[in-house]
Amino acid sequence: MQAEPIHWEKLLPSSWPPMYDRFVARRQVLWDGLETELEIMDKEYEYDFSKTDAAGMPVRRVATQPKWVLHAWWTFLYFYWDPLLDVLPAISTVLAYLKWSLAIFPFLLFLGSVGWLLLSLFKNLEYDPGDCQIEKLPDNYKLVDGLNAEVSGAYKIRRTVEPTPQRVGGVVIQQCDVVVKCEKLFLGRGDTTEDDACESFRSWAW
């Protein structure tokens, strides 16, 4: 049996809602026709066509189990087992999807690692090297009131100053208020911003 061609658009999340709607519609059609199917099965089960009487007519079957047991079994066959058998030919296509997914998974991981490397390089290029060193980290960080969520912290910086004709070189300790963007904000329960807190933001320790 030849596998069906792979249609990758069927795997996209945008195609899942229509596929689910079609599945529900098919199940509803089966359910609506269940009573008619049970009536047909009752008539077929009433006579044993493998046995005939002297006149050549099929012999009436003697039921050995309650009718509700037969109906439950027929319902299982009609509503679950037969649709499952109809899906079996598509297993080869599913296996093909799985094979291609496993084949491209390492490539996707490679692309992700390259993207992560480029993002890290981009972040490092945002800063210029200098002679400043952090002497002391802020005792606490606080949100800055404003339209955009930002975090402020007071760093103590040790700077190396080169000598000039107007001043003497040496080391200077300064306090710098650094304001950075809040990457992940936790909103408090109140209507004001007093209970808000920033869960993720950039900080420095060198």
C-alpha atoms as a PDB file:
ATOM      1  CA  MET A   1       0.000   0.000   0.000  1.00  0.00           C
ATOM      2  CA  GLN A   2       1.443   3.351  -1.034  1.00  0.00           C
ATOM      3  CA  ALA A   3       1.420   6.109   1.558  1.00  0.00           C
ATOM      4  CA  GLU A   4      -0.475   9.283   0.818  1.00  0.00           C
ATOM      5  CA  PRO A   5       1.582  12.391   0.037  1.00  0.00           C
ATOM      6  CA  ILE A   6       2.441  14.446   3.086  1.00  0.00           C
ATOM      7  CA  HIS A   7       0.545  17.718   3.413  1.00  0.00           C
ATOM      8  CA  TRP A   8       2.391  19.723   6.043  1.00  0.00           C
ATOM      9  CA  GLU A   9      -0.347  22.334   6.242  1.00  0.00           C
ATOM     10  CA  LYS A  10      -2.521  19.742   7.997  1.00  0.00           C
ATOM     11  CA  LEU A  11      -0.086  19.775  10.928  1.00  0.00           C
ATOM     12  CA  LEU A  12      -0.351  23.524  11.495  1.00  0.00           C
ATOM     13  CA  PRO A  13      -2.345  24.607  14.573  1.00  0.00           C
ATOM     14  CA  SER A  14      -4.572  26.726  12.329  1.00  0.00           C
ATOM     15  CA  SER A  15      -5.956  23.537  10.732  1.00  0.00           C
ATOM     16  CA  TRP A  16      -6.821  21.843  14.042  1.00  0.00           C
ATOM     17  CA  PRO A  17     -10.191  23.574  14.711  1.00  0.00           C
ATOM     18  CA  PRO A  18     -11.643  22.680  11.255  1.00  0.00           C
ATOM     19  CA  MET A  19     -10.390  19.099  11.613  1.00  0.00           C
ATOM     20  CA  TYR A  20     -12.030  18.821  15.029  1.00  0.00           C
ATOM     21  CA  ASP A  21     -15.299  20.253  13.682  1.00  0.00           C
ATOM     22  CA  ARG A  22     -15.308  17.691  10.852  1.00  0.00           C
ATOM     23  CA  PHE A  23     -14.583  14.896  13.338  1.00  0.00           C
ATOM     24  CA  VAL A  24     -17.500  15.975  15.559  1.00  0.00           C
ATOM     25  CA  ALA A  25     -19.802  16.226  12.518  1.00  0.00           C
ATOM     26  CA  ARG A  26     -18.885  12.690  11.384  1.00  0.00           C
ATOM     27  CA  ARG A  27     -19.483  11.307  14.867  1.00  0.00           C
ATOM     28  CA  GLN A  28     -22.846  13.055  15.012  1.00  0.00           C
ATOM     29  CA  VAL A  29     -23.863  11.490  11.685  1.00  0.00           C
ATOM     30  CA  LEU A  30     -22.922   8.060  13.040  1.00  0.00           C
ATOM     31  CA  TRP A  31     -24.868   8.667  16.229  1.00  0.00           C
ATOM     32  CA  ASP A  32     -27.949   9.843  14.341  1.00  0.00           C
ATOM     33  CA  GLY A  33     -27.906   6.666  12.263  1.00  0.00           C
ATOM     34  CA  LEU A  34     -27.354   4.327  15.213  1.00  0.00           C
ATOM     35  CA  GLU A  35     -31.044   3.488  15.744  1.00  0.00           C
ATOM     36  CA  THR A  36     -31.523   2.594  12.085  1.00  0.00           C
ATOM     37  CA  GLU A  37     -28.413   0.411  12.130  1.00  0.00           C
ATOM     38  CA  LEU A  38     -29.605  -1.420  15.246  1.00  0.00           C
ATOM     39  CA  GLU A  39     -32.960  -2.165  13.577  1.00  0.00           C
ATOM     40  CA  ILE A  40     -31.155  -3.588  10.541  1.00  0.00           C
ATOM     41  CA  MET A  41     -28.896  -5.706  12.756  1.00  0.00           C
ATOM     42  CA  ASP A  42     -31.925  -6.972  14.705  1.00  0.00           C
ATOM     43  CA  LYS A  43     -33.550  -8.193  11.487  1.00  0.00           C
ATOM     44  CA  GLU A  44     -30.327  -9.807  10.278  1.00  0.00           C
ATOM     45  CA  TYR A  45     -29.766 -11.498  13.637  1.00  0.00           C
ATOM     46  CA  GLU A  46     -33.339 -12.810  13.869  1.00  0.00           C
ATOM     47  CA  TYR A  47     -32.660 -15.606  11.364  1.00  0.00           C
ATOM     48  CA  ASP A  48     -29.624 -17.837  11.010  1.00  0.00           C
ATOM     49  CA  PHE A  49     -28.977 -17.874   7.260  1.00  0.00           C
ATOM     50  CA  SER A  50     -26.340 -20.580   7.645  1.00  0.00           C
ATOM     51  CA  LYS A  51     -29.081 -23.054   8.619  1.00  0.00           C
ATOM     52  CA  THR A  52     -32.281 -23.800   6.701  1.00  0.00           C
ATOM     53  CA  ASP A  53     -35.380 -25.884   7.357  1.00  0.00           C
ATOM     54  CA  ALA A  54     -36.952 -28.517   5.110  1.00  0.00           C
ATOM     55  CA  ALA A  55     -38.486 -25.785   2.955  1.00  0.00           C
ATOM     56  CA  GLY A  56     -35.098 -24.130   2.466  1.00  0.00           C
ATOM     57  CA  MET A  57     -35.997 -21.135   4.628  1.00  0.00           C
ATOM     58  CA  PRO A  58     -33.506 -19.785   7.191  1.00  0.00           C
ATOM     59  CA  VAL A  59     -34.064 -21.002  10.731  1.00  0.00           C
ATOM     60  CA  ARG A  60     -35.069 -18.481  13.396  1.00  0.00           C
ATOM     61  CA  ARG A  61     -32.132 -17.887  15.710  1.00  0.00           C
ATOM     62  CA  VAL A  62     -32.470 -18.645  19.436  1.00  0.00           C
ATOM     63  CA  ALA A  63     -30.913 -15.764  21.387  1.00  0.00           C
ATOM     64  CA  THR A  64     -28.525 -16.857  24.120  1.00  0.00           C
ATOM     65  CA  GLN A  65     -27.958 -13.386  25.599  1.00  0.00           C
ATOM     66  CA  PRO A  66     -30.198 -10.432  26.472  1.00  0.00           C
ATOM     67  CA  LYS A  67     -31.052  -8.009  23.719  1.00  0.00           C
ATOM     68  CA  TRP A  68     -29.407  -5.081  25.492  1.00  0.00           C
ATOM     69  CA  VAL A  69     -26.095  -6.963  25.499  1.00  0.00           C
ATOM     70  CA  LEU A  70     -26.339  -7.430  21.734  1.00  0.00           C
ATOM     71  CA  HIS A  71     -27.202  -3.763  21.254  1.00  0.00           C
ATOM     72  CA  ALA A  72     -24.244  -2.695  23.404  1.00  0.00           C
ATOM     73  CA  TRP A  73     -21.900  -4.901  21.383  1.00  0.00           C
ATOM     74  CA  TRP A  74     -23.270  -3.686  18.059  1.00  0.00           C
ATOM     75  CA  THR A  75     -23.013  -0.084  19.226  1.00  0.00           C
ATOM     76  CA  PHE A  76     -19.340  -0.618  20.040  1.00  0.00           C
ATOM     77  CA  LEU A  77     -18.722  -2.168  16.618  1.00  0.00           C
ATOM     78  CA  TYR A  78     -20.635   0.530  14.760  1.00  0.00           C
ATOM     79  CA  PHE A  79     -19.531   3.599  16.696  1.00  0.00           C
ATOM     80  CA  TYR A  80     -15.930   2.711  17.623  1.00  0.00           C
ATOM     81  CA  TRP A  81     -14.520  -0.400  15.971  1.00  0.00           C
ATOM     82  CA  ASP A  82     -15.551   0.254  12.357  1.00  0.00           C
ATOM     83  CA  PRO A  83     -14.252   3.873  12.378  1.00  0.00           C
ATOM     84  CA  LEU A  84     -10.982   2.575  13.822  1.00  0.00           C
ATOM     85  CA  LEU A  85     -10.636   0.111  10.947  1.00  0.00           C
ATOM     86  CA  ASP A  86     -11.279   2.965   8.518  1.00  0.00           C
ATOM     87  CA  VAL A  87      -8.357   4.884  10.044  1.00  0.00           C
ATOM     88  CA  LEU A  88      -5.862   2.022   9.738  1.00  0.00           C
ATOM     89  CA  PRO A  89      -4.931   2.784   6.089  1.00  0.00           C
ATOM     90  CA  ALA A  90      -3.832   6.254   7.210  1.00  0.00           C
ATOM     91  CA  ILE A  91      -1.302   4.848   9.681  1.00  0.00           C
ATOM     92  CA  SER A  92       1.354   4.754   6.965  1.00  0.00           C
ATOM     93  CA  THR A  93       0.855   8.482   6.467  1.00  0.00           C
ATOM     94  CA  VAL A  94       1.116   9.076  10.214  1.00  0.00           C
ATOM     95  CA  LEU A  95       4.362   7.088  10.295  1.00  0.00           C
ATOM     96  CA  ALA A  96       5.657   9.203   7.433  1.00  0.00           C
ATOM     97  CA  TYR A  97       4.836  12.363   9.394  1.00  0.00           C
ATOM     98  CA  LEU A  98       6.646  10.940  12.411  1.00  0.00           C
ATOM     99  CA  LYS A  99       9.689   9.943  10.359  1.00  0.00           C
ATOM    100  CA  TRP A 100      10.027  13.396   8.812  1.00  0.00           C
ATOM    101  CA  SER A 101       9.490  15.067  12.192  1.00  0.00           C
ATOM    102  CA  LEU A 102      12.294  13.028  13.756  1.00  0.00           C
ATOM    103  CA  ALA A 103      14.504  13.751  10.753  1.00  0.00           C
ATOM    104  CA  ILE A 104      14.166  17.532  10.977  1.00  0.00           C
ATOM    105  CA  PHE A 105      14.213  17.728  14.797  1.00  0.00           C
ATOM    106  CA  PRO A 106      18.048  17.915  15.063  1.00  0.00           C
ATOM    107  CA  PHE A 107      18.065  20.596  12.366  1.00  0.00           C
ATOM    108  CA  LEU A 108      15.489  22.615  14.311  1.00  0.00           C
ATOM    109  CA  LEU A 109      17.637  22.290  17.443  1.00  0.00           C
ATOM    110  CA  PHE A 110      20.630  23.529  15.457  1.00  0.00           C
ATOM    111  CA  LEU A 111      18.680  26.544  14.199  1.00  0.00           C
ATOM    112  CA  GLY A 112      17.537  27.281  17.746  1.00  0.00           C
ATOM    113  CA  SER A 113      21.100  27.152  19.090  1.00  0.00           C
ATOM    114  CA  VAL A 114      22.338  29.442  16.302  1.00  0.00           C
ATOM    115  CA  GLY A 115      19.519  31.880  17.044  1.00  0.00           C
ATOM    116  CA  TRP A 116      20.380  31.819  20.756  1.00  0.00           C
ATOM    117  CA  LEU A 117      24.052  32.490  19.945  1.00  0.00           C
ATOM    118  CA  LEU A 118      23.189  35.434  17.687  1.00  0.00           C
ATOM    119  CA  LEU A 119      20.878  36.871  20.351  1.00  0.00           C
ATOM    120  CA  SER A 120      23.641  36.614  22.968  1.00  0.00           C
ATOM    121  CA  LEU A 121      26.113  38.333  20.633  1.00  0.00           C
ATOM    122  CA  PHE A 122      23.598  41.096  19.959  1.00  0.00           C
ATOM    123  CA  LYS A 123      23.100  41.700  23.682  1.00  0.00           C
ATOM    124  CA  ASN A 124      26.860  41.810  24.281  1.00  0.00           C
ATOM    125  CA  LEU A 125      27.341  44.319  21.459  1.00  0.00           C
ATOM    126  CA  GLU A 126      24.980  46.724  23.235  1.00  0.00           C
ATOM    127  CA  TYR A 127      27.643  47.512  25.854  1.00  0.00           C
ATOM    128  CA  ASP A 128      30.954  49.325  25.434  1.00  0.00           C
ATOM    129  CA  PRO A 129      33.999  48.153  27.407  1.00  0.00           C
ATOM    130  CA  GLY A 130      35.236  50.614  30.027  1.00  0.00           C
ATOM    131  CA  ASP A 131      37.273  51.009  33.192  1.00  0.00           C
ATOM    132  CA  CYS A 132      34.278  50.988  35.548  1.00  0.00           C
ATOM    133  CA  GLN A 133      33.811  48.264  38.138  1.00  0.00           C
ATOM    134  CA  ILE A 134      30.848  47.718  40.402  1.00  0.00           C
ATOM    135  CA  GLU A 135      31.879  48.281  43.998  1.00  0.00           C
ATOM    136  CA  LYS A 136      28.506  47.462  45.571  1.00  0.00           C
ATOM    137  CA  LEU A 137      25.216  46.138  44.269  1.00  0.00           C
ATOM    138  CA  PRO A 138      21.951  47.942  45.070  1.00  0.00           C
ATOM    139  CA  ASP A 139      20.372  47.055  48.394  1.00  0.00           C
ATOM    140  CA  ASN A 140      17.024  46.801  46.606  1.00  0.00           C
ATOM    141  CA  TYR A 141      15.408  47.377  43.247  1.00  0.00           C
ATOM    142  CA  LYS A 142      12.194  49.300  42.816  1.00  0.00           C
ATOM    143  CA  LEU A 143       9.699  49.952  40.064  1.00  0.00           C
ATOM    144  CA  VAL A 144       9.748  53.388  38.479  1.00  0.00           C
ATOM    145  CA  ASP A 145       6.351  55.063  38.210  1.00  0.00           C
ATOM    146  CA  GLY A 146       5.442  55.697  34.612  1.00  0.00           C
ATOM    147  CA  LEU A 147       3.710  54.378  31.525  1.00  0.00           C
ATOM    148  CA  ASN A 148       6.412  51.772  30.833  1.00  0.00           C
ATOM    149  CA  ALA A 149       7.437  49.275  33.506  1.00  0.00           C
ATOM    150  CA  GLU A 150      11.029  50.048  34.498  1.00  0.00           C
ATOM    151  CA  VAL A 151      13.270  49.080  37.413  1.00  0.00           C
ATOM    152  CA  SER A 152      15.705  51.406  39.176  1.00  0.00           C
ATOM    153  CA  GLY A 153      18.726  50.447  41.286  1.00  0.00           C
ATOM    154  CA  ALA A 154      21.546  52.464  42.882  1.00  0.00           C
ATOM    155  CA  TYR A 155      24.971  50.986  42.044  1.00  0.00           C
ATOM    156  CA  LYS A 156      28.246  52.097  43.602  1.00  0.00           C
ATOM    157  CA  ILE A 157      30.792  52.320  40.778  1.00  0.00           C
ATOM    158  CA  ARG A 158      34.584  52.485  41.037  1.00  0.00           C
ATOM    159  CA  ARG A 159      36.030  54.436  38.128  1.00  0.00           C
ATOM    160  CA  THR A 160      39.636  54.816  37.115  1.00  0.00           C
ATOM    161  CA  VAL A 161      40.337  58.430  36.129  1.00  0.00           C
ATOM    162  CA  GLU A 162      43.299  59.251  33.911  1.00  0.00           C
ATOM    163  CA  PRO A 163      45.374  62.285  34.961  1.00  0.00           C
ATOM    164  CA  THR A 164      45.046  65.513  32.978  1.00  0.00           C
ATOM    165  CA  PRO A 165      46.660  68.970  33.303  1.00  0.00           C
ATOM    166  CA  GLN A 166      43.557  70.118  35.178  1.00  0.00           C
ATOM    167  CA  ARG A 167      43.178  67.154  37.584  1.00  0.00           C
ATOM    168  CA  VAL A 168      45.004  64.354  39.300  1.00  0.00           C
ATOM    169  CA  GLY A 169      44.381  60.782  38.220  1.00  0.00           C
ATOM    170  CA  GLY A 170      43.156  58.114  40.554  1.00  0.00           C
ATOM    171  CA  VAL A 171      40.124  56.116  41.587  1.00  0.00           C
ATOM    172  CA  VAL A 172      36.687  57.625  42.144  1.00  0.00           C
ATOM    173  CA  ILE A 173      33.726  55.987  43.879  1.00  0.00           C
ATOM    174  CA  GLN A 174      30.401  57.162  42.445  1.00  0.00           C
ATOM    175  CA  GLN A 175      26.784  56.201  42.871  1.00  0.00           C
ATOM    176  CA  CYS A 176      24.826  55.624  39.666  1.00  0.00           C
ATOM    177  CA  ASP A 177      21.089  55.170  39.385  1.00  0.00           C
ATOM    178  CA  VAL A 178      20.558  52.586  36.657  1.00  0.00           C
ATOM    179  CA  VAL A 179      17.113  52.281  35.074  1.00  0.00           C
ATOM    180  CA  VAL A 180      16.330  49.192  32.986  1.00  0.00           C
ATOM    181  CA  LYS A 181      13.214  47.815  31.341  1.00  0.00           C
ATOM    182  CA  CYS A 182      11.134  45.299  33.277  1.00  0.00           C
ATOM    183  CA  GLU A 183      10.954  42.126  31.195  1.00  0.00           C
ATOM    184  CA  LYS A 184       8.294  40.346  33.286  1.00  0.00           C
ATOM    185  CA  LEU A 185       5.890  42.274  35.506  1.00  0.00           C
ATOM    186  CA  PHE A 186       3.812  40.765  38.316  1.00  0.00           C
ATOM    187  CA  LEU A 187       0.572  42.671  38.830  1.00  0.00           C
ATOM    188  CA  GLY A 188      -0.662  42.971  42.404  1.00  0.00           C
ATOM    189  CA  ARG A 189      -4.216  42.388  43.531  1.00  0.00           C
ATOM    190  CA  GLY A 190      -4.980  46.041  44.229  1.00  0.00           C
ATOM    191  CA  ASP A 191      -6.002  48.734  41.779  1.00  0.00           C
ATOM    192  CA  THR A 192      -2.816  50.708  42.445  1.00  0.00           C
ATOM    193  CA  THR A 193       0.755  49.889  41.435  1.00  0.00           C
ATOM    194  CA  GLU A 194       2.014  49.574  45.010  1.00  0.00           C
ATOM    195  CA  ASP A 195       1.642  45.778  44.993  1.00  0.00           C
ATOM    196  CA  ASP A 196       3.230  45.363  41.553  1.00  0.00           C
ATOM    197  CA  ALA A 197       6.662  43.766  41.339  1.00  0.00           C
ATOM    198  CA  CYS A 198       9.112  43.024  38.552  1.00  0.00           C
ATOM    199  CA  GLU A 199      10.082  39.364  38.319  1.00  0.00           C
ATOM    200  CA  SER A 200      12.693  39.611  35.553  1.00  0.00           C
ATOM    201  CA  PHE A 201      15.053  42.455  34.610  1.00  0.00           C
ATOM    202  CA  ARG A 202      18.700  42.984  33.714  1.00  0.00           C
ATOM    203  CA  SER A 203      21.238  43.492  36.472  1.00  0.00           C
ATOM    204  CA  TRP A 204      25.027  43.622  36.609  1.00  0.00           C
ATOM    205  CA  ALA A 205      27.556  42.218  39.069  1.00  0.00           C
ATOM    206  CA  TRP A 206      30.995  42.933  37.558  1.00  0.00           C
END
